């Protein structure tokens, strides 16, 4: 169930898409149905998702090459950000698990690669086992190498939320 604010935002969003990107909507509906047909996706459900949930539309833009990235999280929970991404964009072929990382760029910093850091995060995989931690570390290092163009130096840290996280 969407709040009145979400419904108003969706109406505005639909209006914007009907202008510049409206011609893509039917294409995205067909593509989403094809991607998710084994999960029972119908054209009606695909159209509803694409016109009421920014992330589904953004992920279809990414999948089709109409966008190079997505910024999300201010209006969506982590789960609502990741669900469409994992369903539409999917993980890198051969990936054993999905993981996340943060890119931090600190101006005038002597640490990292000219102040750029990648922090791997276990938020997607609570309580990872040692093998999963290793996969997350390697994946984060590969992402650093790809994005920054430098050899990564990996450190493994441990922390406790002291019960503040509800897993």
Foldseek 3Di string as FASTA:
>chain_A
DDDPVLVVVLVVVLVVCCPPPVVCLVVLLVVLCVLCVVVPDDSVNSSVCCSRPVLLVVLSCCLVVVDVDDDDDPPDPPCSNVPSCCSRVNDDPPQPDDWDWDWFADAPDPDDPNRIDIGTDCVVPPPDDPVVVVSSQVVSQVVCCVPVVDHDDDDDDDDDPVPPDDD
